[in-house]
């Protein structure tokens, strides 16, 4: 299949591997895009039709819409193969578009690759067909905050700037509109390591990588998916080994594994560090965030004026600042964003699906009413494992407790006085367990979750003093989930 042209998808037989239950995922977005471009789609997912009813209904709505919208082309009705995977759907097709998969699905992807079937993802398709500068962000920790901060900076340069990837949406949702504009709309995409694994072929075919590749850090937190730490690091190298000499790599000097990647960089290397370095990059010098390029330093703002004041966020500030300035954002706009930006979080954010267990981040739900609303939405899926609790606001929890009893199979309680109240009120109604911190809470939730379960962070209370704010709490939840 000739992937150099979008028109190749017309009449092509394409398998979408993993539809997913929620609209933010790449499976549904890829299906919509392929439908629109005239592919004969086979949608296969280990979840059954009942579990995927909402997504299946959405696909059929888009099928009917596109059939009316594009009468001059053939729009094929999709074929659903649910509850199982069939070998022929991977071996007798032109292309497989794979969503972030679970270990049980790896064998089918390997079989397709061995036969020479094109393996793509929603993100690889975006990189192939969006020909303007793109910033890509990855790392073990902090990549969501870095991406969000970068997005805020880019929007000061262009209000239509796009933030996509693991957070918010699939980039395929906006690809056709961006291509039609024929302008260099700023785009920043957050990439997980498993999405990065879908990109080598695209980068090799294009003979380039991301225009600005940002790696925040690498820690040995994902080894359940990889043979060893070196294999995990290799997944991050995908970002920097196909870049042209005109493209940029932004790496965290304070993270030792990343220092070892310097020899792998094929673009222009910019370091970021809390200690000043005699190298192009972004640093802290005499209490100031400074940007160094071509041997010239530019002061951006004092560290004490940063909106993100936690120590763990300083590296996110430095890498985002460096990438934004390389993309052309004005220094004054970068400084103003850094003063105002205090954190990144989406209500009801789909973080990841692990072995058919869905992890939802609703850290911004700091009142009982907000948590009640989200429980009503997700409580239909075989019982929710709820991570909740924090500091008591001295409000009435009666309705919240009633909804928890209806919707939850277990509640994991974070430290705090509100958690004491929840535990007392739930005694004998729903099983509860106390957690020491967020990592412990996610581990405990994963241990009791079963296939089809939603693990939901929706605290119904503020997080202090354990968390500086709800954004830090959400970031810790994301980081813990991504280590599973």
Protein backbone atom coordinates (compact mmCIF):
# COMPACT_ATOMS: atom_id res chain seq x y z
CA UNK A 1 0.00 0.00 0.00
CA UNK A 2 1.34 3.41 -0.96
CA UNK A 3 1.13 5.42 2.26
CA UNK A 4 2.66 8.54 0.74
CA UNK A 5 -0.78 9.66 -0.46
CA UNK A 6 -4.04 9.96 1.46
CA UNK A 7 -5.99 8.85 -1.63
CA UNK A 8 -4.51 5.37 -1.24
CA UNK A 9 -7.03 4.73 1.54
CA UNK A 10 -9.96 4.90 -0.88
CA UNK A 11 -11.13 1.26 -1.36
CA UNK A 12 -8.24 -0.08 0.74
CA UNK A 13 -9.04 -2.84 3.25
CA UNK A 14 -7.99 -1.54 6.67
CA UNK A 15 -8.30 -3.18 10.07
CA UNK A 16 -8.76 -0.93 13.08
CA UNK A 17 -7.33 -2.82 16.04
CA UNK A 18 -9.02 -1.59 19.21
CA UNK A 19 -12.06 0.68 18.99
CA UNK A 20 -12.23 1.67 22.65
CA UNK A 21 -15.19 2.80 24.71
CA UNK A 22 -14.55 6.51 24.93
CA UNK A 23 -14.34 9.25 22.34
CA UNK A 24 -10.89 10.53 23.29
CA UNK A 25 -9.15 7.36 22.09
CA UNK A 26 -7.37 6.89 18.79
CA UNK A 27 -9.47 3.89 17.69
CA UNK A 28 -12.71 5.80 17.20
CA UNK A 29 -10.93 8.78 15.65
CA UNK A 30 -9.04 6.55 13.23
CA UNK A 31 -12.28 4.80 12.26
CA UNK A 32 -14.00 8.11 11.51
CA UNK A 33 -11.03 9.30 9.41
CA UNK A 34 -10.83 6.04 7.46
CA UNK A 35 -14.58 6.03 6.84
CA UNK A 36 -14.37 9.55 5.46
CA UNK A 37 -11.50 8.56 3.16
CA UNK A 38 -13.33 5.56 1.70
CA UNK A 39 -11.61 2.61 3.34
CA UNK A 40 -13.21 -0.80 3.72
CA UNK A 41 -12.88 -1.06 7.47
CA UNK A 42 -12.77 -4.10 9.71
CA UNK A 43 -13.09 -3.05 13.36
CA UNK A 44 -11.83 -5.65 15.81
CA UNK A 45 -11.76 -5.40 19.59
CA UNK A 46 -11.58 -7.91 22.42
CA UNK A 47 -14.46 -6.13 24.12
CA UNK A 48 -17.89 -7.36 23.06
CA UNK A 49 -20.74 -5.50 21.41
CA UNK A 50 -22.47 -4.71 24.70
CA UNK A 51 -19.37 -3.09 26.15
CA UNK A 52 -18.75 -1.09 22.98
CA UNK A 53 -22.35 -0.13 22.22
CA UNK A 54 -21.72 3.62 22.62
CA UNK A 55 -18.70 3.54 20.29
CA UNK A 56 -20.41 1.27 17.73
CA UNK A 57 -23.42 3.57 17.63
CA UNK A 58 -21.10 6.53 17.10
CA UNK A 59 -19.33 4.79 14.20
CA UNK A 60 -22.62 4.07 12.47
CA UNK A 61 -23.76 7.67 12.92
CA UNK A 62 -20.58 8.86 11.22
CA UNK A 63 -21.00 6.25 8.47
CA UNK A 64 -24.48 7.58 7.66
CA UNK A 65 -23.29 11.17 7.86
CA UNK A 66 -20.34 10.64 5.49
CA UNK A 67 -22.46 8.66 3.03
CA UNK A 68 -24.71 11.71 2.69
CA UNK A 69 -21.88 14.24 2.79
CA UNK A 70 -19.76 12.56 0.09
CA UNK A 71 -22.13 11.13 -2.56
CA UNK A 72 -19.33 11.23 -5.15
CA UNK A 73 -17.25 8.56 -3.40
CA UNK A 74 -17.91 5.10 -2.01
CA UNK A 75 -18.33 5.07 1.76
CA UNK A 76 -18.22 1.46 2.89
CA UNK A 77 -20.23 0.15 5.82
CA UNK A 78 -17.77 -1.03 8.49
CA UNK A 79 -17.54 -4.66 9.58
CA UNK A 80 -17.43 -5.24 13.35
CA UNK A 81 -15.56 -8.28 14.71
CA UNK A 82 -15.99 -7.91 18.47
CA UNK A 83 -15.08 -10.07 21.42
CA UNK A 84 -12.25 -11.73 19.51
CA UNK A 85 -9.45 -11.19 16.99
CA UNK A 86 -9.28 -13.27 13.79
CA UNK A 87 -5.92 -13.88 12.06
CA UNK A 88 -7.33 -13.05 8.63
CA UNK A 89 -8.19 -9.53 9.78
CA UNK A 90 -4.48 -8.87 10.21
CA UNK A 91 -2.95 -10.94 7.41
CA UNK A 92 -5.35 -10.39 4.48
CA UNK A 93 -5.67 -6.60 4.58
CA UNK A 94 -3.78 -3.62 3.19
CA UNK A 95 -3.15 -1.87 6.49
CA UNK A 96 -3.69 -2.24 10.24
CA UNK A 97 -4.27 0.85 12.33
CA UNK A 98 -3.46 -0.05 15.91
CA UNK A 99 -4.69 1.72 19.03
CA UNK A 100 -2.47 1.68 22.13
CA UNK A 101 -2.68 -2.06 22.74
CA UNK A 102 -2.46 -4.45 25.62
CA UNK A 103 -0.01 -7.30 25.82
CA UNK A 104 -2.58 -9.88 24.70
CA UNK A 105 -2.82 -8.22 21.29
CA UNK A 106 0.90 -8.00 20.49
CA UNK A 107 0.98 -11.37 18.70
CA UNK A 108 -1.48 -10.19 16.04
CA UNK A 109 0.55 -7.06 15.33
CA UNK A 110 3.72 -9.13 15.01
CA UNK A 111 2.05 -11.51 12.55
CA UNK A 112 0.90 -8.61 10.40
CA UNK A 113 4.36 -7.03 10.41
CA UNK A 114 5.97 -10.34 9.49
CA UNK A 115 3.76 -10.57 6.41
CA UNK A 116 4.59 -7.01 5.39
CA UNK A 117 1.21 -5.49 6.20
CA UNK A 118 1.50 -1.76 6.89
CA UNK A 119 1.14 -1.04 10.62
CA UNK A 120 0.02 2.47 11.49
CA UNK A 121 -1.62 4.46 14.28
CA UNK A 122 -3.70 7.61 14.38
CA UNK A 123 -0.53 9.55 15.25
CA UNK A 124 1.62 8.03 12.50
CA UNK A 125 -1.06 8.94 9.94
CA UNK A 126 -1.07 12.49 11.26
CA UNK A 127 2.71 12.80 10.90
CA UNK A 128 2.55 11.41 7.36
CA UNK A 129 0.00 13.92 6.11
CA UNK A 130 0.53 17.09 8.15
CA UNK A 131 3.54 18.69 6.51
CA UNK A 132 3.98 21.68 8.82
CA UNK A 133 6.12 21.97 11.98
CA UNK A 134 4.98 19.77 14.86
CA UNK A 135 6.24 19.57 18.45
CA UNK A 136 6.18 16.10 20.00
CA UNK A 137 6.53 15.52 23.75
CA UNK A 138 7.29 12.27 25.53
CA UNK A 139 8.83 11.11 28.80
CA UNK A 140 8.10 8.94 31.79
CA UNK A 141 6.83 11.77 33.98
CA UNK A 142 5.55 15.27 33.44
CA UNK A 143 4.77 15.04 29.74
CA UNK A 144 1.14 16.08 30.17
CA UNK A 145 2.05 19.22 32.10
CA UNK A 146 4.78 20.03 29.59
CA UNK A 147 2.40 19.53 26.66
CA UNK A 148 -0.32 21.64 28.25
CA UNK A 149 2.13 24.40 29.13
CA UNK A 150 3.51 24.37 25.60
CA UNK A 151 -0.01 24.51 24.22
CA UNK A 152 -0.78 27.58 26.31
CA UNK A 153 2.35 29.25 24.98
CA UNK A 154 1.54 28.36 21.37
CA UNK A 155 -1.97 29.77 21.71
CA UNK A 156 -0.46 33.16 22.51
CA UNK A 157 1.17 33.00 19.09
CA UNK A 158 -1.87 31.52 17.32
CA UNK A 159 -5.26 31.00 18.98
CA UNK A 160 -5.95 28.05 16.67
CA UNK A 161 -2.94 26.08 17.98
CA UNK A 162 -3.72 22.38 18.50
CA UNK A 163 -3.00 20.27 21.58
CA UNK A 164 -3.42 16.55 20.93
CA UNK A 165 -2.20 13.04 21.71
CA UNK A 166 -2.60 11.19 25.01
CA UNK A 167 -4.55 14.15 26.33
CA UNK A 168 -7.61 15.86 24.88
CA UNK A 169 -7.99 14.12 21.51
CA UNK A 170 -6.49 12.19 18.63
CA UNK A 171 -4.71 14.45 16.10
CA UNK A 172 -6.74 12.76 13.35
CA UNK A 173 -9.75 14.70 14.62
CA UNK A 174 -8.27 17.88 13.15
CA UNK A 175 -5.96 16.59 10.39
CA UNK A 176 -8.21 17.27 7.40
CA UNK A 177 -9.09 20.77 8.60
CA UNK A 178 -5.43 21.60 9.19
CA UNK A 179 -4.40 20.29 5.77
CA UNK A 180 -7.16 22.31 4.12
CA UNK A 181 -5.98 25.51 5.83
CA UNK A 182 -2.56 25.22 4.15
CA UNK A 183 -0.96 27.22 6.95
CA UNK A 184 1.54 26.27 9.62
CA UNK A 185 -0.91 26.00 12.52
CA UNK A 186 1.15 25.23 15.66
CA UNK A 187 0.65 21.66 16.88
CA UNK A 188 1.94 19.95 20.02
CA UNK A 189 1.31 16.22 20.53
CA UNK A 190 1.88 14.20 23.69
CA UNK A 191 3.22 10.73 22.86
CA UNK A 192 3.32 7.66 25.06
CA UNK A 193 6.03 5.08 24.50
CA UNK A 194 3.53 2.63 22.99
CA UNK A 195 2.39 5.22 20.45
CA UNK A 196 6.02 6.01 19.65
CA UNK A 197 6.44 2.37 18.65
CA UNK A 198 4.06 3.00 15.73
CA UNK A 199 6.19 5.80 14.27
CA UNK A 200 9.52 4.42 12.98
CA UNK A 201 8.16 3.44 9.56
CA UNK A 202 6.48 6.80 9.11
CA UNK A 203 9.60 8.73 10.10
CA UNK A 204 11.79 6.55 7.87
CA UNK A 205 9.47 7.03 4.89
CA UNK A 206 9.32 10.78 5.49
CA UNK A 207 13.09 10.98 6.10
CA UNK A 208 12.47 13.21 9.11
CA UNK A 209 11.17 13.12 12.67
CA UNK A 210 9.24 15.64 14.75
CA UNK A 211 10.34 19.20 14.04
CA UNK A 212 10.87 19.70 17.78
CA UNK A 213 11.24 16.53 19.86
CA UNK A 214 10.96 16.99 23.63
CA UNK A 215 11.88 14.22 26.09
CA UNK A 216 11.21 15.25 29.68
CA UNK A 217 12.90 12.30 31.43
CA UNK A 218 13.23 8.52 31.40
CA UNK A 219 12.80 6.35 34.50
CA UNK A 220 12.49 2.54 34.85
CA UNK A 221 8.72 2.69 35.43
CA UNK A 222 7.30 0.76 32.44
CA UNK A 223 9.28 -2.46 32.52
CA UNK A 224 6.20 -4.68 32.60
CA UNK A 225 5.83 -3.84 28.91
CA UNK A 226 9.50 -3.98 27.96
CA UNK A 227 12.22 -6.60 28.13
CA UNK A 228 14.46 -4.27 30.15
CA UNK A 229 15.19 -0.60 30.82
CA UNK A 230 17.34 -0.34 27.70
CA UNK A 231 14.41 -1.46 25.55
CA UNK A 232 12.22 1.20 27.17
CA UNK A 233 14.84 3.89 26.49
CA UNK A 234 15.01 2.69 22.88
CA UNK A 235 11.31 3.48 22.51
CA UNK A 236 12.09 7.10 23.37
CA UNK A 237 14.99 7.22 20.90
CA UNK A 238 12.43 6.98 18.09
CA UNK A 239 11.83 10.70 18.64
CA UNK A 240 15.39 11.78 17.81
CA UNK A 241 17.07 9.29 15.48
CA UNK A 242 15.34 10.31 12.23
CA UNK A 243 15.49 14.08 12.66
CA UNK A 244 17.08 16.23 9.99
CA UNK A 245 19.95 18.62 10.84
CA UNK A 246 17.42 21.49 10.79
CA UNK A 247 15.13 19.92 13.41
CA UNK A 248 15.49 20.23 17.19
CA UNK A 249 15.85 17.80 20.09
CA UNK A 250 15.13 19.17 23.57
CA UNK A 251 16.42 16.89 26.34
CA UNK A 252 16.57 17.11 30.13
CA UNK A 253 20.25 17.23 31.10
CA UNK A 254 19.42 16.48 34.75
CA UNK A 255 18.11 13.04 33.82
CA UNK A 256 21.16 10.77 33.50
CA UNK A 257 19.69 8.30 30.95
CA UNK A 258 18.94 11.21 28.62
CA UNK A 259 22.52 12.51 28.80
CA UNK A 260 23.57 9.20 27.27
CA UNK A 261 21.31 9.84 24.28
CA UNK A 262 23.32 12.83 23.05
CA UNK A 263 25.22 10.72 20.53
CA UNK A 264 21.92 9.47 19.06
CA UNK A 265 20.59 12.95 18.28
CA UNK A 266 20.59 13.72 14.54
CA UNK A 267 19.07 17.23 14.81
CA UNK A 268 20.18 20.27 16.76
CA UNK A 269 20.49 19.44 20.46
CA UNK A 270 19.21 21.78 23.17
CA UNK A 271 19.72 20.81 26.81
CA UNK A 272 17.54 21.87 29.74
CA UNK A 273 18.83 21.89 33.30
CA UNK A 274 18.40 23.49 36.72
CA UNK A 275 22.16 24.12 36.51
CA UNK A 276 23.55 26.47 33.88
CA UNK A 277 25.39 24.73 31.01
CA UNK A 278 27.66 26.15 28.34
CA UNK A 279 25.47 24.72 25.59
CA UNK A 280 22.37 25.86 23.73
CA UNK A 281 19.26 25.24 25.80
CA UNK A 282 17.18 26.49 28.74
CA UNK A 283 18.57 26.76 32.28
CA UNK A 284 18.30 28.36 35.68
CA UNK A 285 21.00 30.98 36.16
CA UNK A 286 21.21 33.25 39.19
CA UNK A 287 17.52 32.71 39.97
CA UNK A 288 16.40 33.38 36.38
CA UNK A 289 15.02 31.11 33.67
CA UNK A 290 17.36 31.79 30.75
CA UNK A 291 17.32 30.61 27.14
CA UNK A 292 20.67 30.17 25.41
CA UNK A 293 20.97 29.99 21.62
CA UNK A 294 24.06 30.44 19.47
CA UNK A 295 25.99 31.37 22.61
CA UNK A 296 23.68 34.24 23.57
CA UNK A 297 21.63 34.20 26.79
CA UNK A 298 18.13 35.70 27.06
CA UNK A 299 16.53 36.17 30.49
CA UNK A 300 12.90 34.99 30.45
CA UNK A 301 11.71 35.58 34.03
CA UNK A 302 12.70 34.99 37.66
CA UNK A 303 12.00 31.50 39.01
CA UNK A 304 10.04 33.01 41.93
CA UNK A 305 7.45 34.32 39.45
CA UNK A 306 6.59 30.91 38.01
CA UNK A 307 2.99 29.76 38.37
CA UNK A 308 4.26 26.19 38.72
CA UNK A 309 6.28 26.40 41.91
CA UNK A 310 6.72 22.72 42.78
CA UNK A 311 10.25 21.37 42.38
CA UNK A 312 9.16 18.49 40.15
CA UNK A 313 7.66 20.94 37.66
CA UNK A 314 10.78 23.03 37.07
CA UNK A 315 12.07 20.61 34.42
CA UNK A 316 8.67 20.83 32.70
CA UNK A 317 8.95 24.62 32.70
CA UNK A 318 12.43 24.52 31.18
CA UNK A 319 11.64 22.03 28.41
CA UNK A 320 8.37 23.76 27.47
CA UNK A 321 10.06 27.17 27.43
CA UNK A 322 12.85 25.91 25.21
CA UNK A 323 10.49 24.26 22.72
CA UNK A 324 8.16 27.26 22.57
CA UNK A 325 10.99 29.68 21.86
CA UNK A 326 12.38 27.39 19.17
CA UNK A 327 8.91 27.30 17.59
CA UNK A 328 8.85 31.09 17.46
CA UNK A 329 6.76 32.16 20.45
CA UNK A 330 7.84 35.59 21.67
CA UNK A 331 9.83 35.77 24.90
CA UNK A 332 7.27 38.10 26.50
CA UNK A 333 4.44 35.68 25.69
CA UNK A 334 6.40 32.76 27.12
CA UNK A 335 7.06 34.71 30.33
CA UNK A 336 3.43 35.73 30.69
CA UNK A 337 2.26 32.14 30.24
CA UNK A 338 4.75 30.90 32.81
CA UNK A 339 3.38 33.36 35.34
CA UNK A 340 -0.25 32.35 34.82
CA UNK A 341 -0.06 28.59 34.19
CA UNK A 342 -0.63 26.61 37.41
CA UNK A 343 -1.30 23.08 36.16
CA UNK A 344 -2.86 20.74 33.62
CA UNK A 345 -5.94 18.65 34.01
CA UNK A 346 -9.02 17.65 32.04
CA UNK A 347 -12.32 16.70 33.56
CA UNK A 348 -12.94 12.97 32.98
CA UNK A 349 -9.68 12.48 31.10
CA UNK A 350 -9.09 9.00 29.70
CA UNK A 351 -5.53 8.23 30.80
CA UNK A 352 -5.11 4.65 29.63
CA UNK A 353 -6.76 1.27 29.16
CA UNK A 354 -4.80 -1.65 30.61
CA UNK A 355 -6.07 -5.18 29.93
CA UNK A 356 -9.62 -3.84 29.46
CA UNK A 357 -9.46 -1.80 32.69
CA UNK A 358 -10.07 1.90 32.01
CA UNK A 359 -8.38 4.60 34.07
CA UNK A 360 -10.16 7.98 34.22
CA UNK A 361 -8.67 11.14 35.74
CA UNK A 362 -11.29 13.49 37.19
CA UNK A 363 -9.02 15.19 39.71
CA UNK A 364 -10.86 18.49 39.23
CA UNK A 365 -13.93 16.98 40.95
CA UNK A 366 -13.36 18.54 44.39
CA UNK A 367 -17.00 18.62 45.53
CA UNK A 368 -19.47 15.80 46.24
CA UNK A 369 -21.75 16.99 43.41
CA UNK A 370 -18.98 16.78 40.81
CA UNK A 371 -18.13 13.23 41.84
CA UNK A 372 -21.80 12.23 41.83
CA UNK A 373 -22.12 13.41 38.23
CA UNK A 374 -19.13 11.42 37.00
CA UNK A 375 -20.19 8.29 38.91
CA UNK A 376 -23.55 8.42 37.14
CA UNK A 377 -21.70 8.43 33.83
CA UNK A 378 -19.19 5.64 34.46
CA UNK A 379 -20.99 3.57 37.08
CA UNK A 380 -22.67 1.40 34.44
CA UNK A 381 -19.48 -0.51 33.59
CA UNK A 382 -19.34 -3.49 35.95
CA UNK A 383 -18.80 -1.31 39.01
CA UNK A 384 -16.32 1.51 39.53
CA UNK A 385 -13.19 1.32 41.64
CA UNK A 386 -13.17 4.85 43.02
CA UNK A 387 -10.10 6.70 44.26
CA UNK A 388 -11.41 9.51 46.45
CA UNK A 389 -10.89 11.52 49.59
CA UNK A 390 -8.84 14.41 50.88
CA UNK A 391 -9.56 17.23 53.27
CA UNK A 392 -13.04 17.70 54.72
CA UNK A 393 -14.96 20.77 53.51
CA UNK A 394 -17.69 20.25 56.14
CA UNK A 395 -20.40 19.66 53.53
CA UNK A 396 -23.18 17.08 53.33
CA UNK A 397 -21.85 13.78 51.92
CA UNK A 398 -25.16 11.88 52.15
CA UNK A 399 -26.02 11.95 48.41
CA UNK A 400 -22.44 11.14 47.47
CA UNK A 401 -22.43 8.08 49.73
CA UNK A 402 -25.73 6.92 48.20
CA UNK A 403 -24.28 7.22 44.69
CA UNK A 404 -21.06 5.42 45.70
CA UNK A 405 -23.15 2.52 47.03
CA UNK A 406 -24.98 2.32 43.67
CA UNK A 407 -21.94 2.67 41.43
CA UNK A 408 -18.80 1.37 43.15
CA UNK A 409 -17.44 -2.05 43.94
CA UNK A 410 -14.65 -0.60 46.10
CA UNK A 411 -13.30 2.77 47.25
CA UNK A 412 -9.61 3.55 47.72
CA UNK A 413 -9.22 6.46 50.12
CA UNK A 414 -6.44 9.02 49.92
CA UNK A 415 -5.14 10.53 53.18
CA UNK A 416 -7.28 13.29 54.70
CA UNK A 417 -10.12 14.14 57.05
CA UNK A 418 -12.79 13.75 54.35
CA UNK A 419 -11.58 10.18 53.87
CA UNK A 420 -12.21 9.54 57.56
CA UNK A 421 -15.82 10.62 57.04
CA UNK A 422 -16.20 8.52 53.85
CA UNK A 423 -14.83 5.43 55.59
CA UNK A 424 -17.26 5.78 58.50
CA UNK A 425 -20.30 6.42 56.29
CA UNK A 426 -19.48 3.54 53.90
CA UNK A 427 -18.88 0.98 56.64
CA UNK A 428 -20.86 -2.16 55.86
CA UNK A 429 -22.05 -0.79 52.50
CA UNK A 430 -19.00 -0.71 50.20
CA UNK A 431 -15.54 -2.07 50.90
CA UNK A 432 -12.93 0.63 51.49
CA UNK A 433 -9.14 0.59 51.69
CA UNK A 434 -6.74 3.32 52.79
CA UNK A 435 -3.77 4.36 50.61
CA UNK A 436 -0.56 6.05 51.69
CA UNK A 437 -0.22 8.17 48.53
CA UNK A 438 -1.33 8.27 44.89
CA UNK A 439 1.03 5.53 43.70
CA UNK A 440 -0.24 3.26 46.47
CA UNK A 441 -3.85 4.12 45.60
CA UNK A 442 -3.40 3.20 41.93
CA UNK A 443 -1.65 -0.05 42.86
CA UNK A 444 -4.47 -1.01 45.22
CA UNK A 445 -7.14 -0.06 42.66
CA UNK A 446 -5.47 -2.14 39.95
CA UNK A 447 -5.30 -5.14 42.29
CA UNK A 448 -9.10 -5.25 42.76
CA UNK A 449 -10.16 -4.14 39.27
CA UNK A 450 -11.44 -6.76 36.83
CA UNK A 451 -12.03 -6.75 33.07
CA UNK A 452 -14.52 -4.03 32.19
CA UNK A 453 -13.89 -2.04 35.37
CA UNK A 454 -13.40 1.72 35.42
CA UNK A 455 -10.79 2.95 37.90
CA UNK A 456 -11.87 6.52 38.57
CA UNK A 457 -9.97 9.27 40.34
CA UNK A 458 -12.74 11.62 41.45
CA UNK A 459 -11.81 12.83 44.94
CA UNK A 460 -14.89 14.86 45.97
CA UNK A 461 -12.53 16.87 48.18
CA UNK A 462 -9.40 19.04 47.99
CA UNK A 463 -6.10 17.20 48.23
CA UNK A 464 -4.05 19.37 50.59
CA UNK A 465 -1.75 18.80 52.37
CA UNK A 466 -0.78 15.68 50.38
CA UNK A 467 -1.01 17.50 47.02
CA UNK A 468 -0.13 21.12 46.30
CA UNK A 469 -3.28 21.40 44.15
CA UNK A 470 -5.63 19.26 42.05
CA UNK A 471 -3.32 19.51 39.03
CA UNK A 472 -0.43 17.91 40.93
CA UNK A 473 -2.82 15.21 42.12
CA UNK A 474 -3.91 14.53 38.53
CA UNK A 475 -0.33 14.45 37.28
CA UNK A 476 0.62 11.92 39.95
CA UNK A 477 -2.36 9.78 38.96
CA UNK A 478 -1.30 9.82 35.30
CA UNK A 479 2.28 8.96 36.16
CA UNK A 480 1.20 6.07 38.42
CA UNK A 481 -1.21 4.66 35.81
CA UNK A 482 1.42 4.80 33.08
CA UNK A 483 3.77 2.64 35.14
CA UNK A 484 1.29 -0.27 35.15
